[in-house]
Protein backbone atom coordinates (compact mmCIF):
# COMPACT_ATOMS: atom_id res chain seq x y z
CA MET A 1 91.31 61.57 83.56
CA ASN A 2 92.52 63.49 80.48
CA SER A 3 93.50 67.14 80.52
CA GLN A 4 90.34 68.31 78.74
CA ASN A 5 88.18 66.92 81.54
CA ILE A 6 90.45 68.51 84.13
CA TYR A 7 90.09 71.91 82.49
CA PHE A 8 86.32 71.48 82.23
CA ILE A 9 86.06 70.66 85.92
CA CYS A 10 88.29 73.59 86.91
CA PHE A 11 86.44 76.14 84.82
CA ALA A 12 83.04 74.84 85.93
CA VAL A 13 83.45 73.92 89.61
CA PHE A 14 85.46 76.85 91.00
CA PRO A 15 83.39 79.61 89.34
CA LEU A 16 80.26 77.79 90.56
CA ILE A 17 81.61 77.87 94.13
CA SER A 18 82.17 81.60 93.74
CA PHE A 19 78.68 82.18 92.37
CA LEU A 20 76.85 80.14 95.01
CA THR A 21 78.86 81.63 97.89
CA THR A 22 78.20 85.20 96.81
CA PHE A 23 74.55 84.46 96.13
CA SER A 24 74.03 82.89 99.55
CA LEU A 25 75.73 85.77 101.38
CA ILE A 26 73.64 88.64 100.01
CA ASN A 27 70.56 88.26 102.22
CA PRO A 28 72.51 87.75 105.50
CA ILE A 29 74.62 90.82 104.69
CA LYS A 30 71.46 92.82 103.96
CA ARG A 31 69.86 91.85 107.26
CA LEU A 32 72.95 92.66 109.32
CA SER A 33 73.55 95.94 107.50
CA LEU A 34 70.01 97.17 108.03
CA ARG A 35 70.11 96.13 111.69
CA TYR A 36 73.22 98.27 112.31
CA ASP A 37 72.24 101.11 109.93
CA TYR A 38 74.97 100.47 107.36
CA TYR A 39 73.02 101.68 104.36
CA ASP A 40 73.27 104.23 101.56
CA ALA A 41 70.73 107.03 101.87
CA PRO A 42 68.96 108.47 98.80
CA SER A 43 70.44 111.59 97.24
CA SER A 44 70.30 113.59 94.02
CA ARG A 45 73.26 111.58 92.69
CA LYS A 46 71.80 108.12 93.43
CA SER A 47 69.31 106.13 91.38
CA HIS A 48 67.55 104.65 94.42
CA SER A 49 64.79 106.39 96.36
CA GLU A 50 65.05 104.35 99.57
CA ASN A 51 67.79 103.35 102.01
CA ILE A 52 69.85 100.58 100.43
CA VAL A 53 72.59 98.33 101.82
CA ARG A 54 76.05 99.36 100.59
CA LEU A 55 78.11 96.32 101.70
CA GLY A 56 77.58 94.05 98.70
CA GLY A 57 81.32 94.11 98.03
CA ILE A 58 81.78 91.81 101.02
CA ALA A 59 79.80 89.08 99.25
CA ILE A 60 81.78 89.57 96.01
CA TYR A 61 85.10 89.40 97.84
CA ILE A 62 84.29 86.38 100.03
CA GLY A 63 82.74 84.49 97.12
CA SER A 64 85.81 85.06 94.96
CA PHE A 65 88.41 84.30 97.62
CA LEU A 66 86.64 81.25 99.07
CA SER A 67 86.76 79.72 95.61
CA LEU A 68 90.44 80.68 95.28
CA ILE A 69 91.16 79.06 98.65
CA PHE A 70 89.60 75.81 97.46
CA LEU A 71 91.63 76.13 94.26
CA ASN A 72 94.81 76.66 96.27
CA PHE A 73 94.20 73.36 98.12
CA ASN A 74 94.75 71.60 94.79
CA ASP A 75 98.48 72.27 94.43
CA ASN A 76 98.98 69.41 91.99
CA LEU A 77 96.14 70.67 89.81
CA ILE A 78 97.61 74.17 89.67
CA GLY A 79 101.17 73.02 89.10
CA LYS A 80 100.38 70.43 86.43
CA TYR A 81 97.54 71.97 84.44
CA LEU A 82 97.05 75.65 85.20
CA PHE A 83 100.35 77.25 86.08
CA ASN A 84 102.67 77.48 83.08
CA ASN A 85 103.85 81.08 82.90
CA PRO A 86 106.45 82.81 85.09
CA LEU A 87 104.43 86.03 84.91
CA GLU A 88 101.81 84.40 87.13
CA ASN A 89 104.42 83.41 89.68
CA THR A 90 105.72 86.99 89.73
CA TYR A 91 102.48 88.90 89.99
CA LEU A 92 99.41 86.86 90.99
CA ILE A 93 99.91 86.64 94.76
CA LYS A 94 100.89 90.31 94.98
CA ILE A 95 97.81 91.35 92.98
CA LEU A 96 95.54 89.32 95.25
CA ILE A 97 97.18 90.78 98.36
CA GLY A 98 96.83 94.32 97.02
CA SER A 99 93.20 93.80 96.02
CA SER A 100 92.49 92.50 99.54
CA ILE A 101 94.02 95.61 101.12
CA PHE A 102 91.96 97.84 98.81
CA PHE A 103 88.83 95.83 99.68
CA VAL A 104 89.43 96.30 103.42
CA LEU A 105 90.06 100.02 102.89
CA GLY A 106 86.85 100.43 100.90
CA THR A 107 84.83 98.43 103.43
CA PHE A 108 86.14 100.59 106.28
CA ASP A 109 85.00 103.61 104.28
CA ASP A 110 81.55 102.04 103.81
CA LEU A 111 81.32 101.49 107.57
CA PHE A 112 82.99 104.60 109.00
CA ARG A 113 83.22 107.19 106.16
CA LEU A 114 86.94 107.82 106.04
CA SER A 115 88.49 111.05 104.84
CA PRO A 116 89.13 111.03 101.05
CA PHE A 117 92.69 112.21 101.72
CA LEU A 118 93.28 109.25 104.07
CA ARG A 119 91.84 106.82 101.52
CA LEU A 120 94.06 108.19 98.76
CA PHE A 121 97.13 108.13 101.02
CA ILE A 122 96.54 104.45 101.93
CA GLN A 123 95.99 103.58 98.26
CA PHE A 124 99.26 105.22 97.24
CA LEU A 125 101.16 103.69 100.17
CA THR A 126 99.83 100.21 99.37
CA VAL A 127 100.80 100.44 95.70
CA ILE A 128 104.30 101.74 96.51
CA ILE A 129 104.96 99.02 99.12
CA LEU A 130 103.76 96.31 96.73
CA GLY A 131 105.80 97.87 93.93
CA ILE A 132 108.97 97.79 96.03
CA ASN A 133 108.22 94.12 96.70
CA GLY A 134 107.80 93.17 93.05
CA LEU A 135 104.41 94.35 91.77
CA LEU A 136 106.05 96.64 89.27
CA PHE A 137 105.65 96.94 85.50
CA ASN A 138 108.39 99.19 84.18
CA GLU A 139 108.97 98.19 80.53
CA PHE A 140 106.35 99.16 77.96
CA ASN A 141 106.15 98.64 74.22
CA PHE A 142 104.34 100.70 71.58
CA ILE A 143 103.33 97.85 69.28
CA PRO A 144 101.69 98.02 66.74
CA LEU A 145 102.71 101.68 66.19
CA ASN A 146 106.39 100.94 66.81
CA ASN A 147 107.69 97.38 66.97
CA SER A 148 111.17 98.11 68.27
CA PHE A 149 110.98 100.90 70.83
CA ILE A 150 110.76 99.86 74.50
CA LEU A 151 110.12 102.45 77.20
CA THR A 152 112.02 101.48 80.36
CA LEU A 153 111.08 103.53 83.40
CA PRO A 154 113.36 104.18 86.39
CA VAL A 155 112.06 102.46 89.51
CA ASN A 156 111.14 105.69 91.33
CA ILE A 157 109.23 107.05 88.33
CA SER A 158 107.56 103.69 87.81
CA LEU A 159 106.36 103.59 91.42
CA ILE A 160 104.75 107.02 91.07
CA ILE A 161 103.09 106.12 87.77
CA HIS A 162 101.84 102.83 89.25
CA ALA A 163 100.32 104.65 92.20
CA LEU A 164 98.59 107.15 89.90
CA TRP A 165 97.35 104.42 87.54
CA ILE A 166 96.02 101.99 90.15
CA ALA A 167 94.49 104.67 92.37
CA GLY A 168 93.10 106.44 89.32
CA VAL A 169 91.45 103.36 87.80
CA THR A 170 90.16 102.25 91.21
CA ASN A 171 88.50 105.60 91.84
CA ALA A 172 87.20 105.75 88.26
CA ILE A 173 85.41 102.44 88.83
CA ASN A 174 84.12 103.73 92.16
CA TRP A 175 82.84 106.98 90.62
CA LEU A 176 80.90 105.19 87.88
CA ASP A 177 78.96 103.16 90.46
CA GLY A 178 75.94 105.47 90.31
CA LEU A 179 73.25 103.42 88.55
CA ASP A 180 71.80 100.09 89.62
CA GLY A 181 73.74 97.28 87.99
CA LEU A 182 75.97 99.55 85.88
CA THR A 183 79.33 98.78 87.50
CA ALA A 184 78.61 95.05 87.64
CA ILE A 185 77.82 95.00 83.91
CA TYR A 186 80.82 96.89 82.60
CA VAL A 187 83.31 95.30 85.02
CA CYS A 188 82.15 91.86 83.84
CA MET A 189 82.59 92.96 80.22
CA ILE A 190 86.11 94.25 80.85
CA LEU A 191 87.09 91.16 82.86
CA GLY A 192 85.66 89.00 80.07
CA THR A 193 87.90 90.78 77.56
CA LEU A 194 90.94 90.24 79.76
CA THR A 195 89.97 86.58 80.18
CA ILE A 196 89.93 86.05 76.42
CA ILE A 197 93.37 87.63 76.08
CA GLY A 198 94.62 85.48 78.97
CA PHE A 199 93.37 82.32 77.27
CA LEU A 200 95.00 83.29 73.97
CA LYS A 201 98.32 83.71 75.79
CA GLY A 202 98.06 80.46 77.73
CA LEU A 203 97.59 82.23 81.08
CA PHE A 204 95.10 79.61 82.25
CA LEU A 205 95.41 80.24 85.99
CA THR A 206 94.94 83.97 85.49
CA SER A 207 91.93 83.35 83.24
CA LEU A 208 90.39 81.05 85.83
CA ILE A 209 90.83 83.67 88.56
CA LEU A 210 89.12 86.28 86.39
CA ILE A 211 86.23 83.92 85.60
CA ILE A 212 85.82 83.18 89.31
CA ILE A 213 85.51 86.92 89.97
CA ILE A 214 83.08 87.33 87.05
CA PHE A 215 80.79 84.62 88.46
CA SER A 216 80.86 86.28 91.86
CA ILE A 217 79.81 89.58 90.26
CA LEU A 218 77.04 87.83 88.31
CA ALA A 219 75.60 86.42 91.54
CA PHE A 220 75.73 89.90 93.05
CA TYR A 221 74.11 91.41 89.94
CA LYS A 222 70.97 89.34 90.57
CA PHE A 223 70.35 91.63 93.58
CA ASN A 224 71.97 94.77 92.17
CA LYS A 225 70.06 95.18 88.92
CA TYR A 226 67.26 97.73 88.80
CA PRO A 227 65.61 98.18 91.23
CA ALA A 228 68.69 97.32 93.33
CA LYS A 229 68.32 95.67 96.72
CA ILE A 230 72.03 96.10 97.52
CA ILE A 231 75.03 97.99 96.11
CA MET A 232 78.69 96.95 96.16
CA GLY A 233 79.90 100.07 97.99
CA ASP A 234 83.51 101.22 98.11
CA GLY A 235 84.65 97.79 99.31
CA GLY A 236 83.46 96.15 96.10
CA SER A 237 84.50 98.93 93.72
CA TYR A 238 87.97 99.27 95.30
CA PHE A 239 88.52 95.50 95.08
CA LEU A 240 87.42 95.35 91.44
CA GLY A 241 89.27 98.55 90.54
CA PHE A 242 92.56 97.13 91.81
CA ILE A 243 91.93 93.86 89.95
CA LEU A 244 91.21 95.69 86.69
CA SER A 245 94.12 98.12 86.93
CA THR A 246 96.74 95.41 87.59
CA PHE A 247 95.50 92.50 85.51
CA SER A 248 95.00 94.77 82.49
CA ILE A 249 98.76 95.46 82.50
CA MET A 250 99.92 91.97 83.43
CA ILE A 251 97.88 90.30 80.69
CA SER A 252 99.31 92.71 78.10
CA SER A 253 102.79 91.19 78.47
CA TYR A 254 104.70 90.73 75.22
CA GLU A 255 106.88 87.59 75.30
CA GLY A 256 107.17 87.98 79.07
CA GLN A 257 109.42 91.00 78.74
CA SER A 258 107.54 94.25 78.08
CA PHE A 259 103.94 95.32 78.54
CA SER A 260 101.65 96.98 76.03
CA LEU A 261 100.96 100.65 76.62
CA PHE A 262 97.73 100.46 74.63
CA ILE A 263 95.84 97.42 75.92
CA PRO A 264 95.30 98.62 79.54
CA ILE A 265 94.26 102.10 78.36
CA LEU A 266 91.91 100.82 75.65
CA VAL A 267 90.16 98.20 77.73
CA LEU A 268 89.55 100.76 80.51
CA LEU A 269 88.95 103.71 78.20
CA ILE A 270 85.35 104.48 79.23
CA PRO A 271 85.94 104.78 83.00
CA ILE A 272 89.23 106.63 82.33
CA LEU A 273 87.59 109.20 80.03
CA ASP A 274 84.75 109.66 82.50
CA MET A 275 87.23 110.31 85.32
CA VAL A 276 89.27 112.77 83.23
CA TYR A 277 86.13 114.65 82.20
CA VAL A 278 84.81 114.87 85.75
CA LEU A 279 88.15 116.10 87.12
CA PHE A 280 88.38 118.68 84.34
CA ILE A 281 84.86 120.00 85.04
CA ARG A 282 85.48 120.18 88.78
CA PHE A 283 88.76 122.01 88.15
CA LEU A 284 87.07 124.53 85.83
CA ASN A 285 84.35 125.12 88.39
CA ARG A 286 86.96 125.41 91.17
CA ARG A 287 85.34 122.62 93.14
CA SER A 288 87.10 119.97 95.20
CA ILE A 289 87.85 116.86 93.18
CA PHE A 290 86.59 114.82 96.13
CA LEU A 291 83.11 116.35 96.27
CA PRO A 292 80.50 114.27 94.40
CA ASP A 293 78.40 115.79 91.64
CA ARG A 294 76.31 114.80 88.63
CA SER A 295 78.91 115.27 85.90
CA HIS A 296 79.55 111.55 85.32
CA LEU A 297 78.66 109.91 82.02
CA HIS A 298 75.55 108.13 83.32
CA HIS A 299 74.30 111.36 84.95
CA ARG A 300 74.81 113.32 81.73
CA LEU A 301 72.94 110.71 79.67
CA ILE A 302 69.99 110.70 82.05
CA HIS A 303 70.02 114.53 82.10
CA LYS A 304 69.70 114.45 78.29
CA GLY A 305 66.48 112.46 78.66
CA TYR A 306 67.65 108.88 78.22
CA SER A 307 65.89 106.31 80.38
CA TYR A 308 67.74 104.24 82.97
CA GLN A 309 67.67 101.20 80.68
CA ASN A 310 68.85 103.13 77.62
CA THR A 311 71.68 104.68 79.64
CA ILE A 312 72.83 101.20 80.65
CA HIS A 313 72.61 100.05 77.02
CA ILE A 314 74.61 103.02 75.70
CA ILE A 315 77.43 102.58 78.21
CA SER A 316 77.45 98.81 77.63
CA ILE A 317 77.77 99.37 73.88
CA LEU A 318 80.65 101.79 74.44
CA VAL A 319 82.45 99.28 76.68
CA PHE A 320 81.76 96.48 74.18
CA PHE A 321 83.22 98.63 71.39
CA THR A 322 86.42 99.40 73.35
CA SER A 323 86.68 95.70 74.25
CA ILE A 324 86.54 94.70 70.58
CA ILE A 325 89.19 97.31 69.73
CA THR A 326 91.35 95.95 72.56
CA LEU A 327 91.08 92.40 71.19
CA ILE A 328 92.00 93.63 67.71
CA ILE A 329 95.05 95.50 69.03
CA ASN A 330 96.05 92.44 71.03
CA HIS A 331 95.88 90.35 67.86
CA LEU A 332 98.02 92.87 65.96
CA ILE A 333 100.62 92.88 68.72
CA TYR A 334 100.97 89.15 69.30
CA HIS A 335 100.31 87.59 65.90
C-alpha cells in the first residue's frame, strides 16, 4: 500500500472514530445527567429557557481520546508515516496530559461547582508543573516585523507567562460559551486554521490530532446548535482551551528553534479581546472578575438588536477574518 493511501486511511478512519464515538455518547450522557440533576438552569446570561445538560464535554473528550488510543496502537504507522518532527516528540504527550487534567478540573466544576479561586490555582499549578517537565516555550521571534531579534525568556518568567497565557485563553474560551453552538463553531474554525499551518509545516501527526478533535466537536455540534439539547460545560471548554492555547504556540515554531509571537495572538484574537474587554469593564465597575455578567461580545451584539443567528454569523466572520490574517502572517514568516 502506497503512502497516499495510508494518509487517506489515517485522515479518514481516525476522525470518523472520533465523530461516531462522540455522537453515540450524547444521548446516554443526557439521560444520566438529567437523572442525577446535572444540568444548567436558565438565567439572564444563558440563551436557553429550560434546564439543559452541561456535560457535553465528556463526549468530546472521550470521542477524541478513544480515537487517539486506537491511533497509538499503530506504532509503525505513526513512526513511519506521521511522526517526522522532533517538536511533536517534545510537546504532544505533555499537551495531551495537560488537556486531560484541565478536562477533569472542568468536569469536577460542572458536577460540584468548585470555587473560582481553586480552579485558577489548579490551572496555574498544572501549567507550572508541566512547564518544569518540558512543556515550555521560551524563545519567540518577531517575524515579519523583525527577522533577526529573538526574545529568550528566563525559565521563571516563562513559567509565569505560560500560566497566564494558558489559563487566560482557557477561561476566554469558557466565557464565550454563552450562545448555543457558538463555541463549537469558532473553536472548529481556529483548530482548522492551526491544522492548515500544521500541514504546511509537515506536522502530520499534530494535524491529524487536531482533525480528530474537530470531528468530535462536529458530532457534538449536532446536539449543541440552536436550540441546544446539551452544552459542553466547563469540562469541554477547559479541554479545548488548553488545546488551543498550547497548539497555537507549538505550531508557530520557526525552524524548530523559536516560536512566533504573532500567530498564537492573531488566531485567538477574538476570544482574547473579549476577555480583555470584560475584565476591563468589571474592573471599572469594581466588580469581581469571577462574577458572570452580560458584557461579553455575544451579549453586546444581542443587546444591540441582532438576532441569535446574526450574532453567530458576525462572530464567525470575525474569527474567519483573523484566521485568514494568521495564515497570511504564517506565509510571510516561513516562505
